[in-house]
């Protein structure tokens, strides 16, 4: 699964946040990592918490243009709700790479704007 960033979403957030944009993107990237970690910790222990963390990751990623990460988190969220363990397992295998790749591309985009 390739890493897809929606630059239009980033441009909109940049206009909305102004000088706070760069700090907010860095915070958002750390949230990607935290939510991934929380999702993994709760995966086999607290289904409702795992679903909430997948939902939050989906929303945060979408808001900041990390489209492929948002799509993967959505797949995980829905598979958890439907009890589709094979889809959960397959998607979880891709999650760390999506988080790392999305972070790198977002930070690269921010650096190019400076």
Foldseek 3Di string as FASTA:
>chain_A
DDWWFDVVLQVVQCVVCPPCSVVVLVVLLVLLVVLLVQLVVCVPPPLVSNLVSLCVNLVSCVNNGRNVLNVLSVQLNVCSVVVVVVSNVVSNVCNVVSSVNNSVVSNVVVVVVD
